[in-house]
Amino acid sequence: MAGISVSLDGANIQLSFQKDDQATAVVMDARAARALVRAVGQLLTAIDDTDEPDLGEGLGDEEVAMLDVTSSAIEVGTDEEGQAVVALQAGALPPFQLRLTDEEARHVVTSLSEILSAPRDVRTSHGGH
């Protein structure tokens, strides 16, 4: 099984790759990480993956599209007015930013903390959200 994880290593960002029993990690400063995100985004745009379904394709009124995060990093910060901002790329979409109110940001943080505090096997047995 292959996996990629992104974490903080002090003031740097660590990008770790694992496939079967082989693992490697790359540590970079924020400037290098941003350059990597831009470069990967440009490459993904150039590929124009036609195997990816359109967002609205095959969805009924009640269904929501489920997209995997495809950016190598999820950036979290604030805008010029102090509102929380999350920047990422998902599926075949170009990179985008989500601006959250304080209440929305607190809800996301609380919900993710609750989810991550439970072991994965418990989370998968309950399914959904």
Protein backbone atom coordinates (compact mmCIF):
# COMPACT_ATOMS: atom_id res chain seq x y z
CA MET A 1 0.00 0.00 0.00
CA ALA A 2 1.30 3.47 -0.87
CA GLY A 3 0.81 6.64 1.14
CA ILE A 4 1.81 10.27 1.31
CA SER A 5 1.68 12.38 4.44
CA VAL A 6 2.46 16.01 5.11
CA SER A 7 3.46 17.29 8.55
CA LEU A 8 5.28 20.11 10.29
CA ASP A 9 8.88 19.59 11.32
CA GLY A 10 9.57 22.71 13.39
CA ALA A 11 9.32 25.64 10.96
CA ASN A 12 9.67 23.28 7.99
CA ILE A 13 7.28 21.00 6.16
CA GLN A 14 7.96 17.28 5.92
CA LEU A 15 6.58 15.36 2.98
CA SER A 16 6.74 11.60 3.58
CA PHE A 17 6.19 8.81 1.08
CA GLN A 18 5.67 5.14 1.86
CA LYS A 19 5.15 2.19 -0.46
CA ASP A 20 5.06 -1.29 1.02
CA ASP A 21 8.05 -1.45 3.39
CA GLN A 22 10.00 1.41 1.75
CA ALA A 23 9.73 4.96 3.09
CA THR A 24 11.40 8.29 2.44
CA ALA A 25 10.85 11.86 3.60
CA VAL A 26 11.71 15.30 2.29
CA VAL A 27 11.96 18.33 4.58
CA MET A 28 11.58 21.77 2.99
CA ASP A 29 10.99 25.34 4.06
CA ALA A 30 7.67 27.06 3.37
CA ARG A 31 9.02 28.80 0.25
CA ALA A 32 10.11 25.50 -1.33
CA ALA A 33 6.81 23.87 -0.38
CA ARG A 34 4.83 26.65 -2.08
CA ALA A 35 6.97 26.29 -5.21
CA LEU A 36 6.32 22.54 -5.19
CA VAL A 37 2.57 23.07 -4.84
CA ARG A 38 2.57 25.50 -7.79
CA ALA A 39 4.66 23.17 -9.94
CA VAL A 40 2.52 20.13 -9.21
CA GLY A 41 -0.63 22.16 -9.85
CA GLN A 42 0.70 23.26 -13.23
CA LEU A 43 1.63 19.68 -14.14
CA LEU A 44 -1.80 18.39 -13.15
CA THR A 45 -3.43 21.09 -15.24
CA ALA A 46 -1.21 20.17 -18.21
CA ILE A 47 -2.10 16.48 -17.90
CA ASP A 48 -5.83 17.20 -18.28
CA ASP A 49 -6.84 13.82 -16.83
CA THR A 50 -9.97 12.85 -18.77
CA ASP A 51 -10.55 9.81 -16.52
CA GLU A 52 -11.69 12.15 -13.74
CA PRO A 53 -15.48 12.55 -13.78
CA ASP A 54 -17.00 16.02 -13.98
CA LEU A 55 -18.11 17.26 -10.57
CA GLY A 56 -21.81 17.15 -11.31
CA GLU A 57 -21.71 13.95 -13.33
CA GLY A 58 -24.05 11.25 -12.04
CA LEU A 59 -25.08 13.11 -8.88
CA GLY A 60 -28.66 13.31 -7.74
CA ASP A 61 -30.19 16.23 -5.84
CA GLU A 62 -29.28 14.79 -2.42
CA GLU A 63 -25.76 13.51 -3.28
CA VAL A 64 -22.51 15.41 -2.74
CA ALA A 65 -19.35 14.89 -4.81
CA MET A 66 -16.55 13.19 -2.83
CA LEU A 67 -13.13 14.31 -4.03
CA ASP A 68 -9.72 13.28 -2.70
CA VAL A 69 -7.24 16.00 -1.88
CA THR A 70 -4.67 15.99 -4.67
CA SER A 71 -2.44 18.84 -3.52
CA SER A 72 0.84 17.94 -1.87
CA ALA A 73 0.05 20.30 0.96
CA ILE A 74 -2.96 21.82 2.65
CA GLU A 75 -2.14 25.37 3.61
CA VAL A 76 -3.93 27.02 6.52
CA GLY A 77 -3.65 30.71 7.28
CA THR A 78 -5.58 33.95 7.44
CA ASP A 79 -6.59 36.51 4.87
CA GLU A 80 -5.93 40.25 5.16
CA GLU A 81 -9.01 40.63 7.38
CA GLY A 82 -8.00 37.86 9.80
CA GLN A 83 -10.45 35.23 8.56
CA ALA A 84 -9.28 31.62 8.47
CA VAL A 85 -8.34 30.37 4.99
CA VAL A 86 -7.64 26.80 3.86
CA ALA A 87 -5.92 26.34 0.48
CA LEU A 88 -5.85 22.99 -1.33
CA GLN A 89 -6.56 21.14 -4.54
CA ALA A 90 -9.11 18.35 -4.90
CA GLY A 91 -9.76 15.97 -7.78
CA ALA A 92 -9.24 17.55 -11.18
CA LEU A 93 -10.20 21.00 -9.89
CA PRO A 94 -7.62 23.78 -9.99
CA PRO A 95 -6.23 24.82 -6.59
CA PHE A 96 -8.73 26.80 -4.53
CA GLN A 97 -9.13 28.51 -1.16
CA LEU A 98 -11.90 28.22 1.40
CA ARG A 99 -12.53 31.29 3.56
CA LEU A 100 -14.13 30.32 6.89
CA THR A 101 -15.88 32.40 9.53
CA ASP A 102 -14.62 31.91 13.09
CA GLU A 103 -17.64 29.71 13.83
CA GLU A 104 -17.04 27.55 10.73
CA ALA A 105 -13.33 27.19 11.54
CA ARG A 106 -14.10 26.18 15.15
CA HIS A 107 -16.62 23.61 13.90
CA VAL A 108 -14.07 22.09 11.47
CA VAL A 109 -11.35 21.96 14.15
CA THR A 110 -13.67 20.44 16.77
CA SER A 111 -15.13 17.88 14.36
CA LEU A 112 -11.74 16.78 13.01
CA SER A 113 -10.33 16.53 16.55
CA GLU A 114 -13.23 14.32 17.59
CA ILE A 115 -12.84 12.11 14.51
CA LEU A 116 -9.08 11.77 14.90
CA SER A 117 -9.31 10.99 18.63
CA ALA A 118 -11.05 7.69 17.78
CA PRO A 119 -9.01 4.75 16.44
CA ARG A 120 -9.37 4.23 12.69
CA ASP A 121 -11.07 0.83 13.09
CA VAL A 122 -13.78 2.45 15.22
CA ARG A 123 -14.22 5.26 12.68
CA THR A 124 -14.59 2.85 9.75
CA SER A 125 -17.10 0.68 11.60
CA HIS A 126 -19.36 3.70 12.10
CA GLY A 127 -18.91 4.93 8.50
CA GLY A 128 -20.25 8.11 7.02
CA HIS A 129 -19.99 11.47 8.78
